[in-house]
Amino acid sequence: MSVFAWTNRMARQRPPEGPPLRYAPHTAAMQVGFTAAAVASAALWDRERGGERRDVEISAVEAHSGNVDTNFTAWSLNQGIAPLSAIRSARVFPVGTYACRDGFVQFTAAEPPFFQRSCAAIGHPEWPEDPRFEDPAVRPEHHDDYMEVFLPWLAARTKQEVFHEMQSHGVLCTPVLSVEEAVAEPVAVARGSFVTVDQPADGEMLLAGAPFRLRGIAGDAYRALPAPRLGEHTAEILDGLGYSRDEQIALFRAGVTG
């Protein structure tokens, strides 16, 4: 949260009326990691082709300030006014998170052809030719006209009903799933996306499975295992490093290993 606040990203992640919002946990750390991985790959690629060894420094603040949804270009082109992120916007719609009968759904459907398809999905295929919605420059003036039909349409349906209906029309729409819903989602179940392990002292634990599939390799090539207990693999690791049993005992007595 500190990085998001410092880089102005948190300031723009808010509804038109309301305080700034945080991103999902670990998003900041992942962005720094992606940046470091990209730079390290470039440095290694260059060195393998005769380049020099390079020391790389990564700034978390700079990694986020220049991220794909950086706000500085829009700020520069908008006479120093920073627009809000489209969490919910009256200028671009339907974009953001909206309530339905049993939760929330997320839309990214402001641009063609998705806006046109969303109109058809809610029963108004004629709206894309309607003067209120035909011109994107005029469309924001009629945000309330669209929402007058759109919001009741959502309220009458579950998020899965909204998702499948919008999917049948080719609209970018996703249900906002809880943990319980995500692990029971039919595609995740069919793919075995989540696995269980027997964690000593804690019992059965649900974990995310392998994020990849390797063709031609047996299905058990990647297996999720319980977290190691304290000291469980110490001897194995020290054996691999060449420490004798006497040396390992000395490390243990000195409190270096557990």
C-alpha atoms as a PDB file:
ATOM      1  CA  MET A   1       0.000   0.000   0.000  1.00  0.00           C
ATOM      2  CA  SER A   2       2.893   2.337   0.694  1.00  0.00           C
ATOM      3  CA  VAL A   3       4.224   1.939  -2.849  1.00  0.00           C
ATOM      4  CA  PHE A   4       0.785   2.477  -4.379  1.00  0.00           C
ATOM      5  CA  ALA A   5       0.235   5.582  -2.286  1.00  0.00           C
ATOM      6  CA  TRP A   6       3.659   7.055  -3.101  1.00  0.00           C
ATOM      7  CA  THR A   7       3.354   6.572  -6.862  1.00  0.00           C
ATOM      8  CA  ASN A   8      -0.123   8.192  -7.245  1.00  0.00           C
ATOM      9  CA  ARG A   9      -1.627   4.856  -8.256  1.00  0.00           C
ATOM     10  CA  MET A  10      -3.776   4.720  -5.123  1.00  0.00           C
ATOM     11  CA  ALA A  11      -5.054   8.253  -5.684  1.00  0.00           C
ATOM     12  CA  ARG A  12      -6.658   7.335  -8.988  1.00  0.00           C
ATOM     13  CA  GLN A  13      -8.069   3.999  -7.817  1.00  0.00           C
ATOM     14  CA  ARG A  14     -11.270   5.348  -6.332  1.00  0.00           C
ATOM     15  CA  PRO A  15     -14.891   5.826  -7.266  1.00  0.00           C
ATOM     16  CA  PRO A  16     -16.022   9.352  -8.192  1.00  0.00           C
ATOM     17  CA  GLU A  17     -17.254   9.801  -4.626  1.00  0.00           C
ATOM     18  CA  GLY A  18     -15.142   8.040  -2.053  1.00  0.00           C
ATOM     19  CA  PRO A  19     -11.663   7.448  -0.634  1.00  0.00           C
ATOM     20  CA  PRO A  20      -8.757   5.819  -2.504  1.00  0.00           C
ATOM     21  CA  LEU A  21      -8.769   2.040  -2.709  1.00  0.00           C
ATOM     22  CA  ARG A  22      -5.931  -0.442  -2.437  1.00  0.00           C
ATOM     23  CA  TYR A  23      -5.111  -3.088  -5.023  1.00  0.00           C
ATOM     24  CA  ALA A  24      -5.260  -6.797  -4.300  1.00  0.00           C
ATOM     25  CA  PRO A  25      -2.591  -8.172  -1.915  1.00  0.00           C
ATOM     26  CA  HIS A  26       0.913  -8.653  -3.337  1.00  0.00           C
ATOM     27  CA  THR A  27       0.135  -6.808  -6.601  1.00  0.00           C
ATOM     28  CA  ALA A  28       2.883  -4.290  -5.839  1.00  0.00           C
ATOM     29  CA  ALA A  29       5.455  -6.991  -5.104  1.00  0.00           C
ATOM     30  CA  MET A  30       4.568  -8.879  -8.277  1.00  0.00           C
ATOM     31  CA  GLN A  31       5.029  -5.769 -10.422  1.00  0.00           C
ATOM     32  CA  VAL A  32       8.476  -5.192  -8.941  1.00  0.00           C
ATOM     33  CA  GLY A  33       9.295  -8.854  -9.563  1.00  0.00           C
ATOM     34  CA  PHE A  34       8.125  -8.672 -13.183  1.00  0.00           C
ATOM     35  CA  THR A  35      10.260  -5.586 -13.736  1.00  0.00           C
ATOM     36  CA  ALA A  36      13.310  -7.217 -12.164  1.00  0.00           C
ATOM     37  CA  ALA A  37      12.799 -10.388 -14.223  1.00  0.00           C
ATOM     38  CA  ALA A  38      12.570  -8.416 -17.469  1.00  0.00           C
ATOM     39  CA  VAL A  39      15.694  -6.375 -16.744  1.00  0.00           C
ATOM     40  CA  ALA A  40      17.645  -9.426 -15.559  1.00  0.00           C
ATOM     41  CA  SER A  41      16.666 -11.346 -18.702  1.00  0.00           C
ATOM     42  CA  ALA A  42      17.889  -8.489 -20.884  1.00  0.00           C
ATOM     43  CA  ALA A  43      21.174  -8.232 -18.963  1.00  0.00           C
ATOM     44  CA  LEU A  44      21.792 -11.985 -19.203  1.00  0.00           C
ATOM     45  CA  TRP A  45      20.891 -12.021 -22.906  1.00  0.00           C
ATOM     46  CA  ASP A  46      23.418  -9.234 -23.522  1.00  0.00           C
ATOM     47  CA  ARG A  47      26.184 -10.893 -21.475  1.00  0.00           C
ATOM     48  CA  GLU A  48      25.752 -14.214 -23.288  1.00  0.00           C
ATOM     49  CA  ARG A  49      26.317 -12.375 -26.541  1.00  0.00           C
ATOM     50  CA  GLY A  50      29.599 -10.808 -25.532  1.00  0.00           C
ATOM     51  CA  GLY A  51      28.321  -7.943 -23.458  1.00  0.00           C
ATOM     52  CA  GLU A  52      29.620  -6.775 -20.122  1.00  0.00           C
ATOM     53  CA  ARG A  53      28.512  -7.879 -16.683  1.00  0.00           C
ATOM     54  CA  ARG A  54      25.887  -5.480 -15.380  1.00  0.00           C
ATOM     55  CA  ASP A  55      24.720  -4.628 -11.882  1.00  0.00           C
ATOM     56  CA  VAL A  56      21.008  -3.820 -11.868  1.00  0.00           C
ATOM     57  CA  GLU A  57      19.133  -1.784  -9.278  1.00  0.00           C
ATOM     58  CA  ILE A  58      15.334  -1.935  -9.169  1.00  0.00           C
ATOM     59  CA  SER A  59      13.231   0.750  -7.496  1.00  0.00           C
ATOM     60  CA  ALA A  60       9.763  -0.357  -6.419  1.00  0.00           C
ATOM     61  CA  VAL A  61       8.454   3.202  -6.727  1.00  0.00           C
ATOM     62  CA  GLU A  62       9.871   3.635 -10.230  1.00  0.00           C
ATOM     63  CA  ALA A  63       8.623   0.220 -11.325  1.00  0.00           C
ATOM     64  CA  HIS A  64       5.091   1.273 -10.458  1.00  0.00           C
ATOM     65  CA  SER A  65       5.332   4.847 -11.660  1.00  0.00           C
ATOM     66  CA  GLY A  66       6.098   3.603 -15.171  1.00  0.00           C
ATOM     67  CA  ASN A  67       3.759   0.630 -15.206  1.00  0.00           C
ATOM     68  CA  VAL A  68       1.357  -0.128 -18.039  1.00  0.00           C
ATOM     69  CA  ASP A  69      -1.429   1.949 -16.484  1.00  0.00           C
ATOM     70  CA  THR A  70       0.815   4.877 -15.596  1.00  0.00           C
ATOM     71  CA  ASN A  71      -1.110   8.110 -15.167  1.00  0.00           C
ATOM     72  CA  PHE A  72       1.537  10.629 -16.187  1.00  0.00           C
ATOM     73  CA  THR A  73       0.875  10.641 -19.927  1.00  0.00           C
ATOM     74  CA  ALA A  74      -2.833  11.240 -19.430  1.00  0.00           C
ATOM     75  CA  TRP A  75      -2.009  13.914 -16.861  1.00  0.00           C
ATOM     76  CA  SER A  76       0.326  15.674 -19.324  1.00  0.00           C
ATOM     77  CA  LEU A  77      -2.229  15.597 -22.144  1.00  0.00           C
ATOM     78  CA  ASN A  78      -5.093  16.669 -19.883  1.00  0.00           C
ATOM     79  CA  GLN A  79      -3.663  20.041 -18.794  1.00  0.00           C
ATOM     80  CA  GLY A  80      -2.413  18.714 -15.500  1.00  0.00           C
ATOM     81  CA  ILE A  81      -5.646  17.010 -14.450  1.00  0.00           C
ATOM     82  CA  ALA A  82      -5.300  13.375 -13.427  1.00  0.00           C
ATOM     83  CA  PRO A  83      -8.386  11.341 -14.437  1.00  0.00           C
ATOM     84  CA  LEU A  84      -9.838   8.753 -12.125  1.00  0.00           C
ATOM     85  CA  SER A  85      -9.345   5.131 -12.992  1.00  0.00           C
ATOM     86  CA  ALA A  86     -12.411   3.603 -14.563  1.00  0.00           C
ATOM     87  CA  ILE A  87     -13.526   1.704 -11.476  1.00  0.00           C
ATOM     88  CA  ARG A  88     -16.897   3.210 -12.225  1.00  0.00           C
ATOM     89  CA  SER A  89     -17.149   6.119 -14.616  1.00  0.00           C
ATOM     90  CA  ALA A  90     -19.923   8.145 -16.192  1.00  0.00           C
ATOM     91  CA  ARG A  91     -17.709   8.790 -19.207  1.00  0.00           C
ATOM     92  CA  VAL A  92     -16.865   5.218 -20.168  1.00  0.00           C
ATOM     93  CA  PHE A  93     -19.437   2.505 -19.585  1.00  0.00           C
ATOM     94  CA  PRO A  94     -20.088  -0.247 -18.866  1.00  0.00           C
ATOM     95  CA  VAL A  95     -16.664  -0.481 -17.238  1.00  0.00           C
ATOM     96  CA  GLY A  96     -15.933  -1.525 -13.679  1.00  0.00           C
ATOM     97  CA  THR A  97     -17.735  -3.517 -11.023  1.00  0.00           C
ATOM     98  CA  TYR A  98     -21.519  -3.581 -10.808  1.00  0.00           C
ATOM     99  CA  ALA A  99     -23.921  -5.246  -8.390  1.00  0.00           C
ATOM    100  CA  CYS A 100     -26.184  -8.071  -9.527  1.00  0.00           C
ATOM    101  CA  ARG A 101     -28.631 -10.317  -7.670  1.00  0.00           C
ATOM    102  CA  ASP A 102     -26.099 -12.363  -5.705  1.00  0.00           C
ATOM    103  CA  GLY A 103     -22.876 -10.380  -5.849  1.00  0.00           C
ATOM    104  CA  PHE A 104     -20.844  -8.408  -8.354  1.00  0.00           C
ATOM    105  CA  VAL A 105     -19.734  -8.658 -11.968  1.00  0.00           C
ATOM    106  CA  GLN A 106     -16.892  -6.847 -13.703  1.00  0.00           C
ATOM    107  CA  PHE A 107     -17.260  -5.287 -17.168  1.00  0.00           C
ATOM    108  CA  THR A 108     -14.758  -3.990 -19.707  1.00  0.00           C
ATOM    109  CA  ALA A 109     -17.172  -3.088 -22.450  1.00  0.00           C
ATOM    110  CA  ALA A 110     -16.967   0.616 -23.266  1.00  0.00           C
ATOM    111  CA  GLU A 111     -15.217   0.298 -26.623  1.00  0.00           C
ATOM    112  CA  PRO A 112     -16.519  -1.222 -29.868  1.00  0.00           C
ATOM    113  CA  PRO A 113     -17.546  -3.894 -30.508  1.00  0.00           C
ATOM    114  CA  PHE A 114     -18.198  -4.624 -26.829  1.00  0.00           C
ATOM    115  CA  PHE A 115     -20.469  -1.646 -26.164  1.00  0.00           C
ATOM    116  CA  GLN A 116     -22.644  -2.581 -29.116  1.00  0.00           C
ATOM    117  CA  ARG A 117     -22.786  -6.189 -27.944  1.00  0.00           C
ATOM    118  CA  SER A 118     -23.699  -5.139 -24.400  1.00  0.00           C
ATOM    119  CA  CYS A 119     -26.656  -3.180 -25.772  1.00  0.00           C
ATOM    120  CA  ALA A 120     -27.900  -6.279 -27.581  1.00  0.00           C
ATOM    121  CA  ALA A 121     -27.406  -8.409 -24.460  1.00  0.00           C
ATOM    122  CA  ILE A 122     -29.680  -6.196 -22.352  1.00  0.00           C
ATOM    123  CA  GLY A 123     -32.366  -6.148 -25.027  1.00  0.00           C
ATOM    124  CA  HIS A 124     -31.581  -2.972 -26.968  1.00  0.00           C
ATOM    125  CA  PRO A 125     -29.688  -3.898 -30.150  1.00  0.00           C
ATOM    126  CA  GLU A 126     -30.877  -0.613 -31.693  1.00  0.00           C
ATOM    127  CA  TRP A 127     -28.994   1.591 -29.222  1.00  0.00           C
ATOM    128  CA  PRO A 128     -25.652   1.668 -31.103  1.00  0.00           C
ATOM    129  CA  GLU A 129     -27.459   3.639 -33.858  1.00  0.00           C
ATOM    130  CA  ASP A 130     -29.347   5.782 -31.335  1.00  0.00           C
ATOM    131  CA  PRO A 131     -28.092   9.408 -31.393  1.00  0.00           C
ATOM    132  CA  ARG A 132     -27.583   9.189 -27.621  1.00  0.00           C
ATOM    133  CA  PHE A 133     -25.052   6.364 -27.896  1.00  0.00           C
ATOM    134  CA  GLU A 134     -23.786   6.332 -31.488  1.00  0.00           C
ATOM    135  CA  ASP A 135     -21.139   9.017 -30.988  1.00  0.00           C
ATOM    136  CA  PRO A 136     -18.656   8.212 -28.157  1.00  0.00           C
ATOM    137  CA  ALA A 137     -18.215  11.944 -27.572  1.00  0.00           C
ATOM    138  CA  VAL A 138     -21.937  12.350 -26.854  1.00  0.00           C
ATOM    139  CA  ARG A 139     -22.471   9.046 -25.073  1.00  0.00           C
ATOM    140  CA  PRO A 140     -21.299  10.260 -21.613  1.00  0.00           C
ATOM    141  CA  GLU A 141     -24.195  12.728 -21.552  1.00  0.00           C
ATOM    142  CA  HIS A 142     -26.583   9.766 -21.605  1.00  0.00           C
ATOM    143  CA  HIS A 143     -24.922   7.590 -18.988  1.00  0.00           C
ATOM    144  CA  ASP A 144     -28.070   7.633 -16.847  1.00  0.00           C
ATOM    145  CA  ASP A 145     -30.230   6.501 -19.795  1.00  0.00           C
ATOM    146  CA  TYR A 146     -28.054   3.418 -20.224  1.00  0.00           C
ATOM    147  CA  MET A 147     -27.903   2.667 -16.505  1.00  0.00           C
ATOM    148  CA  GLU A 148     -31.678   3.014 -16.168  1.00  0.00           C
ATOM    149  CA  VAL A 149     -31.956  -0.242 -18.128  1.00  0.00           C
ATOM    150  CA  PHE A 150     -28.591  -1.856 -17.372  1.00  0.00           C
ATOM    151  CA  LEU A 151     -28.705  -1.816 -13.562  1.00  0.00           C
ATOM    152  CA  PRO A 152     -32.205  -3.374 -13.219  1.00  0.00           C
ATOM    153  CA  TRP A 153     -31.182  -5.979 -15.821  1.00  0.00           C
ATOM    154  CA  LEU A 154     -28.233  -6.929 -13.601  1.00  0.00           C
ATOM    155  CA  ALA A 155     -30.282  -6.840 -10.399  1.00  0.00           C
ATOM    156  CA  ALA A 156     -32.660  -9.451 -11.800  1.00  0.00           C
ATOM    157  CA  ARG A 157     -29.880 -11.955 -12.543  1.00  0.00           C
ATOM    158  CA  THR A 158     -27.206 -13.891 -10.690  1.00  0.00           C
ATOM    159  CA  LYS A 159     -23.585 -13.260 -11.579  1.00  0.00           C
ATOM    160  CA  GLN A 160     -23.357 -16.589 -13.382  1.00  0.00           C
ATOM    161  CA  GLU A 161     -26.467 -15.742 -15.392  1.00  0.00           C
ATOM    162  CA  VAL A 162     -25.004 -12.347 -16.269  1.00  0.00           C
ATOM    163  CA  PHE A 163     -21.681 -13.946 -17.197  1.00  0.00           C
ATOM    164  CA  HIS A 164     -23.171 -16.591 -19.483  1.00  0.00           C
ATOM    165  CA  GLU A 165     -25.546 -14.159 -21.147  1.00  0.00           C
ATOM    166  CA  MET A 166     -22.801 -11.632 -21.789  1.00  0.00           C
ATOM    167  CA  GLN A 167     -20.438 -14.391 -22.928  1.00  0.00           C
ATOM    168  CA  SER A 168     -23.015 -15.542 -25.469  1.00  0.00           C
ATOM    169  CA  HIS A 169     -22.940 -12.007 -26.913  1.00  0.00           C
ATOM    170  CA  GLY A 170     -19.130 -11.743 -26.826  1.00  0.00           C
ATOM    171  CA  VAL A 171     -18.981  -9.109 -24.080  1.00  0.00           C
ATOM    172  CA  LEU A 172     -15.969  -8.857 -21.743  1.00  0.00           C
ATOM    173  CA  CYS A 173     -17.626  -9.643 -18.421  1.00  0.00           C
ATOM    174  CA  THR A 174     -16.450 -11.665 -15.422  1.00  0.00           C
ATOM    175  CA  PRO A 175     -18.165 -12.665 -12.179  1.00  0.00           C
ATOM    176  CA  VAL A 176     -16.344 -11.528  -9.047  1.00  0.00           C
ATOM    177  CA  LEU A 177     -15.724 -14.865  -7.322  1.00  0.00           C
ATOM    178  CA  SER A 178     -15.145 -15.634  -3.671  1.00  0.00           C
ATOM    179  CA  VAL A 179     -12.564 -18.265  -2.683  1.00  0.00           C
ATOM    180  CA  GLU A 180     -15.315 -20.849  -2.268  1.00  0.00           C
ATOM    181  CA  GLU A 181     -16.689 -20.062  -5.727  1.00  0.00           C
ATOM    182  CA  ALA A 182     -13.273 -20.021  -7.396  1.00  0.00           C
ATOM    183  CA  VAL A 183     -12.314 -23.500  -6.172  1.00  0.00           C
ATOM    184  CA  ALA A 184     -15.708 -24.925  -7.180  1.00  0.00           C
ATOM    185  CA  GLU A 185     -15.782 -23.266 -10.604  1.00  0.00           C
ATOM    186  CA  PRO A 186     -16.406 -26.027 -13.215  1.00  0.00           C
ATOM    187  CA  VAL A 187     -13.388 -25.254 -15.421  1.00  0.00           C
ATOM    188  CA  ALA A 188     -11.071 -25.171 -12.388  1.00  0.00           C
ATOM    189  CA  VAL A 189     -12.480 -28.488 -11.215  1.00  0.00           C
ATOM    190  CA  ALA A 190     -12.116 -30.070 -14.664  1.00  0.00           C
ATOM    191  CA  ARG A 191      -8.510 -28.901 -15.004  1.00  0.00           C
ATOM    192  CA  GLY A 192      -7.547 -29.809 -11.453  1.00  0.00           C
ATOM    193  CA  SER A 193      -6.481 -26.219 -10.815  1.00  0.00           C
ATOM    194  CA  PHE A 194      -6.555 -26.722  -7.045  1.00  0.00           C
ATOM    195  CA  VAL A 195      -5.094 -29.629  -5.101  1.00  0.00           C
ATOM    196  CA  THR A 196      -5.107 -30.833  -1.503  1.00  0.00           C
ATOM    197  CA  VAL A 197      -2.131 -31.880   0.591  1.00  0.00           C
ATOM    198  CA  ASP A 198      -1.985 -33.455   4.024  1.00  0.00           C
ATOM    199  CA  GLN A 199      -0.089 -30.965   6.172  1.00  0.00           C
ATOM    200  CA  PRO A 200       1.287 -32.601   9.335  1.00  0.00           C
ATOM    201  CA  ALA A 201      -0.309 -31.182  12.489  1.00  0.00           C
ATOM    202  CA  ASP A 202      -2.809 -29.150  10.463  1.00  0.00           C
ATOM    203  CA  GLY A 203      -4.621 -31.708   8.340  1.00  0.00           C
ATOM    204  CA  GLU A 204      -5.827 -31.318   4.771  1.00  0.00           C
ATOM    205  CA  MET A 205      -4.933 -28.028   3.065  1.00  0.00           C
ATOM    206  CA  LEU A 206      -6.176 -26.670  -0.268  1.00  0.00           C
ATOM    207  CA  LEU A 207      -3.495 -25.199  -2.527  1.00  0.00           C
ATOM    208  CA  ALA A 208      -3.301 -23.775  -6.023  1.00  0.00           C
ATOM    209  CA  GLY A 209      -1.882 -26.415  -8.342  1.00  0.00           C
ATOM    210  CA  ALA A 210       0.799 -26.138 -10.997  1.00  0.00           C
ATOM    211  CA  PRO A 211       0.409 -22.966 -13.098  1.00  0.00           C
ATOM    212  CA  PHE A 212       1.596 -24.819 -16.205  1.00  0.00           C
ATOM    213  CA  ARG A 213       1.154 -28.067 -18.095  1.00  0.00           C
ATOM    214  CA  LEU A 214       4.092 -29.994 -19.574  1.00  0.00           C
ATOM    215  CA  ARG A 215       3.160 -32.114 -22.552  1.00  0.00           C
ATOM    216  CA  GLY A 216       4.649 -35.572 -22.705  1.00  0.00           C
ATOM    217  CA  ILE A 217       5.495 -35.673 -19.010  1.00  0.00           C
ATOM    218  CA  ALA A 218       3.641 -37.869 -16.537  1.00  0.00           C
ATOM    219  CA  GLY A 219       0.918 -36.161 -14.582  1.00  0.00           C
ATOM    220  CA  ASP A 220       2.771 -36.515 -11.277  1.00  0.00           C
ATOM    221  CA  ALA A 221       5.900 -34.722 -12.570  1.00  0.00           C
ATOM    222  CA  TYR A 222       4.779 -31.706 -10.559  1.00  0.00           C
ATOM    223  CA  ARG A 223       3.299 -32.423  -7.147  1.00  0.00           C
ATOM    224  CA  ALA A 224       2.307 -30.044  -4.395  1.00  0.00           C
ATOM    225  CA  LEU A 225       3.871 -31.238  -1.155  1.00  0.00           C
ATOM    226  CA  PRO A 226       3.277 -30.249   2.475  1.00  0.00           C
ATOM    227  CA  ALA A 227       5.316 -27.404   3.864  1.00  0.00           C
ATOM    228  CA  PRO A 228       8.465 -28.763   5.512  1.00  0.00           C
ATOM    229  CA  ARG A 229       8.593 -28.961   9.288  1.00  0.00           C
ATOM    230  CA  LEU A 230      11.321 -27.076  11.095  1.00  0.00           C
ATOM    231  CA  GLY A 231      14.612 -28.847  10.457  1.00  0.00           C
ATOM    232  CA  GLU A 232      13.025 -31.604   8.384  1.00  0.00           C
ATOM    233  CA  HIS A 233      15.538 -31.349   5.536  1.00  0.00           C
ATOM    234  CA  THR A 234      18.503 -29.822   7.352  1.00  0.00           C
ATOM    235  CA  ALA A 235      20.624 -32.972   7.294  1.00  0.00           C
ATOM    236  CA  GLU A 236      19.817 -33.625   3.646  1.00  0.00           C
ATOM    237  CA  ILE A 237      20.855 -30.095   2.653  1.00  0.00           C
ATOM    238  CA  LEU A 238      24.033 -30.122   4.732  1.00  0.00           C
ATOM    239  CA  ASP A 239      24.945 -33.556   3.331  1.00  0.00           C
ATOM    240  CA  GLY A 240      24.665 -32.076  -0.130  1.00  0.00           C
ATOM    241  CA  LEU A 241      26.921 -29.212   0.875  1.00  0.00           C
ATOM    242  CA  GLY A 242      29.569 -31.643   2.113  1.00  0.00           C
ATOM    243  CA  TYR A 243      29.260 -31.162   5.883  1.00  0.00           C
ATOM    244  CA  SER A 244      30.253 -34.167   7.970  1.00  0.00           C
ATOM    245  CA  ARG A 245      28.009 -35.489  10.740  1.00  0.00           C
ATOM    246  CA  ASP A 246      30.324 -34.004  13.409  1.00  0.00           C
ATOM    247  CA  GLU A 247      30.164 -30.623  11.685  1.00  0.00           C
ATOM    248  CA  GLN A 248      26.380 -30.817  11.476  1.00  0.00           C
ATOM    249  CA  ILE A 249      26.133 -31.622  15.180  1.00  0.00           C
ATOM    250  CA  ALA A 250      28.384 -28.654  15.957  1.00  0.00           C
ATOM    251  CA  LEU A 251      26.163 -26.339  13.878  1.00  0.00           C
ATOM    252  CA  PHE A 252      23.104 -27.604  15.712  1.00  0.00           C
ATOM    253  CA  ARG A 253      24.649 -27.125  19.162  1.00  0.00           C
ATOM    254  CA  ALA A 254      25.736 -23.639  18.191  1.00  0.00           C
ATOM    255  CA  GLY A 255      22.155 -22.760  17.252  1.00  0.00           C
ATOM    256  CA  VAL A 256      23.001 -22.193  13.587  1.00  0.00           C
ATOM    257  CA  THR A 257      20.638 -24.967  12.436  1.00  0.00           C
ATOM    258  CA  GLY A 258      17.447 -26.319  13.895  1.00  0.00           C
END
